Amino acid sequence: MSQATLGIRRISGHAGPAPGEDVERAEQVCKLIDTTTCIGCKACEVACLEWNGYTFTDTVFDNSYQTMPETAWNYWNLIKFNEHEREDGSITLLMRKDQCMHCADPGCLAACPADGAIVQYTNGIVDFQQANCIGCGYCVTGCPFDIPKFNPATKKMFKCTLCVDRVSEGLEPACIKSCPTGCLHFGSKDDMKGLAETRATQLRENFGFAKAGVYDPAGVGGTGVIYVLHDVTNPEAYGGLPKDPRIPLLVRLWKGPVKWLGGWSMFFGVLGVAIHYLRYGPKIPQDGHDNRDDSAPGHRDEGVKP
């Protein structure tokens, strides 16, 4: 019996854009972005909008080829253009596809107080469930890449889903499908990491980029979106990509020790109330009086007239 008959769907596990035959959809997936072959055509931006049903918004020319200043709740994928001066004084244009990084240890999930609002599937994709979102914005605090965006109309948070609806059906994300230069690849994390390292080695040995490398930051446990960079020692030059992203310490404390201590404090508070009740009993007024001593000096019964 064939795999299609069994209903087993697969995702691409190879460098090419076509879905492969060797990777289960439950395996950790990864998007590889080779910034050295990006031409800034913005086809991925268009594909993202069309697949997710969003319309184009008005743009304002700001002396740059960049479409918008940053991503938005209805604009999840943006090519950033950054002029960079090389060591020899020449100017180069560094382009980077900016979207959710789908961290292995997602800060947005660590910070979220609403159950089920943010989920991480077995394949590593981090997804927002707007039906459970309370719009608190704590996910922004937890994300070191400044990705989640707030919709003021619905009071919900949004971000790139890595086309989880397509991936679950054995397809690559829409942006991968649209790329004309082979800049974007999709498959298992192991395959994409191997392909990225091969490309970085090629850049170092054959093209003179001695600092070329793979951006897959360990501070968030690695990411489901990795980059090949001309200079991996200076990721900030690529539109502010953080060099060592980590979940903020306050988020770790709030969802860890502080939450644990708060739970125990509540437990001991309830325990103290129970012990007091068992020892002294309920406080009940005696015969409807206010328990004042009628024999005390200066006491006067206002209800009795002389």
Protein backbone atom coordinates (compact mmCIF):
# COMPACT_ATOMS: atom_id res chain seq x y z
CA MET A 1 0.00 0.00 0.00
CA SER A 2 1.36 3.44 -0.93
CA GLN A 3 2.09 6.22 1.55
CA ALA A 4 -0.54 8.39 -0.15
CA THR A 5 -3.13 5.68 0.51
CA LEU A 6 -2.10 5.58 4.15
CA GLY A 7 -2.54 9.35 4.36
CA ILE A 8 1.10 10.00 5.27
CA ARG A 9 2.14 13.43 4.06
CA ARG A 10 5.73 14.58 3.72
CA ILE A 11 7.64 17.81 3.43
CA SER A 12 10.68 18.76 1.44
CA GLY A 13 13.88 17.34 2.84
CA HIS A 14 16.12 18.47 0.03
CA ALA A 15 17.70 21.68 -1.16
CA GLY A 16 15.32 22.17 -4.06
CA PRO A 17 11.86 23.72 -3.88
CA ALA A 18 10.00 20.50 -4.74
CA PRO A 19 8.54 18.44 -1.86
CA GLY A 20 10.78 15.48 -1.07
CA GLU A 21 10.15 11.87 -0.18
CA ASP A 22 12.33 11.33 2.87
CA VAL A 23 11.17 13.57 5.71
CA GLU A 24 8.16 13.14 7.96
CA ARG A 25 6.18 16.29 8.66
CA ALA A 26 6.69 15.70 12.41
CA GLU A 27 10.44 16.10 11.96
CA GLN A 28 11.91 19.49 12.85
CA VAL A 29 11.61 21.74 9.82
CA CYS A 30 13.77 24.68 8.83
CA LYS A 31 13.89 27.54 6.34
CA LEU A 32 17.32 28.42 4.97
CA ILE A 33 17.91 31.98 3.71
CA ASP A 34 21.10 32.52 1.73
CA THR A 35 21.56 36.30 1.92
CA THR A 36 24.44 36.07 -0.56
CA THR A 37 22.08 35.12 -3.41
CA CYS A 38 19.12 37.36 -2.51
CA ILE A 39 18.42 39.97 -5.23
CA GLY A 40 15.74 41.86 -3.30
CA CYS A 41 13.00 41.09 -5.81
CA LYS A 42 10.36 40.94 -3.02
CA ALA A 43 8.55 38.02 -4.62
CA CYS A 44 8.45 36.40 -1.17
CA GLU A 45 6.67 39.46 0.23
CA VAL A 46 3.98 39.21 -2.44
CA ALA A 47 3.55 35.46 -1.99
CA CYS A 48 3.17 35.84 1.77
CA LEU A 49 0.46 38.47 1.42
CA GLU A 50 -1.47 36.55 -1.21
CA TRP A 51 -1.38 33.20 0.58
CA ASN A 52 -2.48 34.66 3.92
CA GLY A 53 -5.21 36.81 2.38
CA TYR A 54 -3.82 40.24 3.23
CA THR A 55 -3.98 43.25 0.94
CA PHE A 56 -1.15 45.57 0.04
CA THR A 57 -0.83 48.73 2.12
CA ASP A 58 0.33 52.16 1.00
CA THR A 59 4.07 52.64 1.15
CA VAL A 60 6.12 55.83 1.43
CA PHE A 61 9.48 56.24 -0.27
CA ASP A 62 12.13 56.80 2.38
CA ASN A 63 15.29 56.88 0.29
CA SER A 64 15.44 53.08 0.32
CA TYR A 65 14.28 50.10 -1.71
CA GLN A 66 12.69 48.67 1.42
CA THR A 67 8.91 48.30 1.15
CA MET A 68 8.04 49.20 4.75
CA PRO A 69 10.07 50.32 7.79
CA GLU A 70 9.24 47.09 9.64
CA THR A 71 6.89 44.13 9.66
CA ALA A 72 3.28 44.64 10.77
CA TRP A 73 0.37 42.56 12.04
CA ASN A 74 -0.72 42.11 8.43
CA TYR A 75 2.76 42.15 6.84
CA TRP A 76 4.75 39.21 8.17
CA ASN A 77 7.61 39.04 5.69
CA LEU A 78 9.89 41.95 4.77
CA ILE A 79 13.13 42.25 2.81
CA LYS A 80 15.41 44.66 4.66
CA PHE A 81 17.92 46.70 2.64
CA ASN A 82 21.00 47.93 4.46
CA GLU A 83 23.96 49.85 3.06
CA HIS A 84 27.18 48.58 4.58
CA GLU A 85 30.71 49.93 4.20
CA ARG A 86 33.33 47.27 3.67
CA GLU A 87 36.86 47.33 5.06
CA ASP A 88 38.20 48.57 1.70
CA GLY A 89 35.83 51.56 1.78
CA SER A 90 33.40 50.27 -0.84
CA ILE A 91 29.65 50.16 -0.22
CA THR A 92 27.61 46.98 -0.45
CA LEU A 93 23.89 46.43 -0.08
CA LEU A 94 23.05 43.74 2.45
CA MET A 95 19.57 42.28 2.09
CA ARG A 96 17.84 40.08 4.63
CA LYS A 97 14.44 38.46 4.73
CA ASP A 98 12.91 39.41 8.08
CA GLN A 99 10.21 37.26 9.68
CA CYS A 100 9.55 35.09 12.73
CA MET A 101 12.57 32.92 13.51
CA HIS A 102 10.57 30.04 15.06
CA CYS A 103 13.01 29.58 17.92
CA ALA A 104 13.52 26.16 19.47
CA ASP A 105 13.14 27.92 22.83
CA PRO A 106 10.60 30.63 21.93
CA GLY A 107 10.57 33.69 24.15
CA CYS A 108 7.04 34.60 23.06
CA LEU A 109 5.75 31.28 24.38
CA ALA A 110 7.73 31.67 27.61
CA ALA A 111 6.18 35.09 28.24
CA CYS A 112 2.58 34.35 27.22
CA PRO A 113 0.15 34.07 30.18
CA ALA A 114 -2.83 32.83 28.11
CA ASP A 115 -3.14 29.06 27.78
CA GLY A 116 -3.23 27.94 24.16
CA ALA A 117 -2.57 31.39 22.70
CA ILE A 118 0.89 30.34 21.48
CA VAL A 119 1.72 26.76 20.55
CA GLN A 120 4.82 24.97 19.30
CA TYR A 121 4.26 21.95 17.11
CA THR A 122 6.45 18.85 17.09
CA ASN A 123 8.08 20.06 13.87
CA GLY A 124 9.27 23.21 15.65
CA ILE A 125 6.86 25.72 14.11
CA VAL A 126 5.64 28.36 16.58
CA ASP A 127 2.07 29.45 15.89
CA PHE A 128 -0.32 32.02 17.37
CA GLN A 129 -3.93 31.02 18.10
CA GLN A 130 -5.83 34.29 17.98
CA ALA A 131 -8.97 32.72 19.49
CA ASN A 132 -7.06 32.32 22.77
CA CYS A 133 -5.01 35.52 22.58
CA ILE A 134 -5.84 38.19 25.17
CA GLY A 135 -3.82 40.93 23.47
CA CYS A 136 -1.59 41.60 26.48
CA GLY A 137 1.53 42.00 24.33
CA TYR A 138 3.79 40.07 26.70
CA CYS A 139 4.99 38.01 23.73
CA VAL A 140 6.68 41.17 22.43
CA THR A 141 8.62 41.42 25.69
CA GLY A 142 9.77 37.83 25.41
CA CYS A 143 10.84 37.94 21.75
CA PRO A 144 14.48 39.03 21.20
CA PHE A 145 13.75 39.61 17.48
CA ASP A 146 10.82 42.04 17.97
CA ILE A 147 8.49 39.97 15.79
CA PRO A 148 4.92 39.81 17.24
CA LYS A 149 2.73 42.70 16.13
CA PHE A 150 -0.54 43.99 17.62
CA ASN A 151 -3.75 44.52 15.65
CA PRO A 152 -5.52 47.46 17.33
CA ALA A 153 -8.85 46.57 15.72
CA THR A 154 -9.08 42.99 16.98
CA LYS A 155 -6.77 43.37 20.01
CA LYS A 156 -4.84 40.27 18.92
CA MET A 157 -1.20 39.48 18.16
CA PHE A 158 0.04 38.21 14.79
CA LYS A 159 3.24 36.94 13.16
CA CYS A 160 4.58 34.60 10.47
CA THR A 161 3.28 31.04 10.87
CA LEU A 162 5.88 29.49 8.52
CA CYS A 163 2.83 28.54 6.44
CA VAL A 164 1.98 25.75 8.87
CA ASP A 165 -1.19 25.09 6.88
CA ARG A 166 0.90 24.34 3.79
CA VAL A 167 3.61 22.43 5.65
CA SER A 168 1.03 20.18 7.29
CA GLU A 169 -0.12 19.20 3.81
CA GLY A 170 3.36 18.36 2.58
CA LEU A 171 4.07 21.69 0.84
CA GLU A 172 6.83 24.22 1.35
CA PRO A 173 5.95 27.76 2.58
CA ALA A 174 4.61 30.19 -0.02
CA CYS A 175 7.72 32.38 0.09
CA ILE A 176 9.94 29.39 -0.76
CA LYS A 177 7.75 28.61 -3.75
CA SER A 178 8.09 32.14 -5.12
CA CYS A 179 11.88 32.64 -4.85
CA PRO A 180 13.46 32.81 -8.34
CA THR A 181 17.14 32.66 -7.35
CA GLY A 182 17.40 29.68 -5.01
CA CYS A 183 17.98 32.01 -2.09
CA LEU A 184 15.33 30.19 -0.06
CA HIS A 185 15.32 26.50 0.82
CA PHE A 186 13.10 24.38 3.06
CA GLY A 187 13.42 20.96 4.62
CA SER A 188 14.57 19.26 7.79
CA LYS A 189 16.78 21.18 10.19
CA ASP A 190 19.67 18.78 9.72
CA ASP A 191 19.53 18.99 5.93
CA MET A 192 19.27 22.78 5.88
CA LYS A 193 22.08 23.19 8.40
CA GLY A 194 24.30 20.96 6.28
CA LEU A 195 23.45 22.87 3.11
CA ALA A 196 24.12 26.19 4.86
CA GLU A 197 27.52 25.05 6.14
CA THR A 198 28.47 23.88 2.66
CA ARG A 199 27.58 27.26 1.20
CA ALA A 200 29.46 29.13 3.94
CA THR A 201 32.55 27.03 3.26
CA GLN A 202 32.27 27.81 -0.42
CA LEU A 203 32.09 31.54 0.33
CA ARG A 204 35.18 31.39 2.54
CA GLU A 205 37.30 29.28 0.21
CA ASN A 206 36.26 30.49 -3.24
CA PHE A 207 34.88 34.00 -2.92
CA GLY A 208 37.06 35.66 -0.33
CA PHE A 209 34.45 36.05 2.43
CA ALA A 210 36.67 34.91 5.29
CA LYS A 211 33.99 35.57 7.92
CA ALA A 212 31.11 33.86 6.12
CA GLY A 213 29.06 31.57 8.31
CA VAL A 214 25.68 30.28 9.41
CA TYR A 215 23.41 32.25 11.75
CA ASP A 216 21.64 29.77 14.04
CA PRO A 217 21.85 31.38 17.50
CA ALA A 218 22.30 29.02 20.44
CA GLY A 219 20.87 31.56 22.92
CA VAL A 220 17.32 30.57 21.89
CA GLY A 221 18.16 26.92 21.34
CA GLY A 222 18.67 27.39 17.62
CA THR A 223 16.05 28.62 15.18
CA GLY A 224 13.71 27.23 12.53
CA VAL A 225 14.92 29.99 10.20
CA ILE A 226 18.67 30.14 9.59
CA TYR A 227 20.82 32.48 7.48
CA VAL A 228 24.00 32.24 5.47
CA LEU A 229 25.77 35.57 6.04
CA HIS A 230 28.81 37.12 4.34
CA ASP A 231 30.02 38.12 7.82
CA VAL A 232 28.54 36.03 10.62
CA THR A 233 30.53 38.03 13.20
CA ASN A 234 28.47 41.14 12.45
CA PRO A 235 24.81 40.11 12.05
CA GLU A 236 23.67 43.55 13.23
CA ALA A 237 24.67 44.90 9.81
CA TYR A 238 21.83 42.90 8.29
CA GLY A 239 19.02 45.08 9.55
CA GLY A 240 19.64 44.73 13.25
CA LEU A 241 19.84 40.94 13.49
CA PRO A 242 20.90 40.37 17.14
CA LYS A 243 24.30 38.79 17.63
CA ASP A 244 23.37 36.74 20.70
CA PRO A 245 19.58 36.74 21.14
CA ARG A 246 18.27 35.44 24.45
CA ILE A 247 14.99 35.39 26.31
CA PRO A 248 15.01 38.34 28.78
CA LEU A 249 15.92 37.36 32.34
CA LEU A 250 12.73 38.93 33.75
CA VAL A 251 10.64 36.64 31.54
CA ARG A 252 12.59 33.64 32.79
CA LEU A 253 12.08 34.72 36.41
CA TRP A 254 8.42 35.58 35.95
CA LYS A 255 7.48 32.24 34.41
CA GLY A 256 9.92 30.31 36.61
CA PRO A 257 10.90 31.10 40.25
CA VAL A 258 8.49 34.01 40.71
CA LYS A 259 5.54 31.96 39.48
CA TRP A 260 6.62 29.06 41.68
CA LEU A 261 6.98 31.28 44.76
CA GLY A 262 3.65 32.93 44.06
CA GLY A 263 1.94 29.55 43.94
CA TRP A 264 3.45 28.49 47.26
CA SER A 265 2.56 31.85 48.84
CA MET A 266 -1.05 31.35 47.86
CA PHE A 267 -0.99 27.80 49.24
CA PHE A 268 0.39 28.88 52.62
CA GLY A 269 -2.07 31.79 52.77
CA VAL A 270 -5.02 29.44 52.33
CA LEU A 271 -3.43 27.02 54.82
CA GLY A 272 -3.10 29.81 57.41
CA VAL A 273 -6.76 30.78 57.03
CA ALA A 274 -7.81 27.14 57.46
CA ILE A 275 -5.70 26.69 60.63
CA HIS A 276 -7.12 29.89 62.13
CA TYR A 277 -10.64 28.70 61.43
CA LEU A 278 -10.03 25.28 62.98
CA ARG A 279 -8.45 26.76 66.11
CA TYR A 280 -10.73 29.73 66.82
CA GLY A 281 -13.83 28.88 64.84
CA PRO A 282 -15.98 31.35 62.94
CA LYS A 283 -16.50 34.87 64.25
CA ILE A 284 -20.21 35.04 65.12
CA PRO A 285 -21.93 38.07 66.78
CA GLN A 286 -23.45 37.22 70.20
CA ASP A 287 -27.24 37.79 70.36
CA GLY A 288 -27.07 40.51 67.76
CA HIS A 289 -25.03 42.83 70.03
CA ASP A 290 -21.79 44.49 69.07
CA ASN A 291 -19.92 42.76 71.99
CA ARG A 292 -19.29 45.98 73.89
CA ASP A 293 -19.12 45.73 77.72
CA ASP A 294 -22.33 47.34 79.01
CA SER A 295 -20.80 47.72 82.49
CA ALA A 296 -17.91 49.79 81.28
CA PRO A 297 -17.74 53.36 82.62
CA GLY A 298 -19.33 55.91 80.32
CA HIS A 299 -21.48 53.35 78.58
CA ARG A 300 -25.02 54.49 77.91
CA ASP A 301 -27.85 52.48 76.43
CA GLU A 302 -29.23 54.87 73.85
CA GLY A 303 -32.36 52.73 73.45
CA VAL A 304 -33.65 53.41 77.03
CA LYS A 305 -35.16 56.77 77.92
CA PRO A 306 -35.12 58.10 81.56
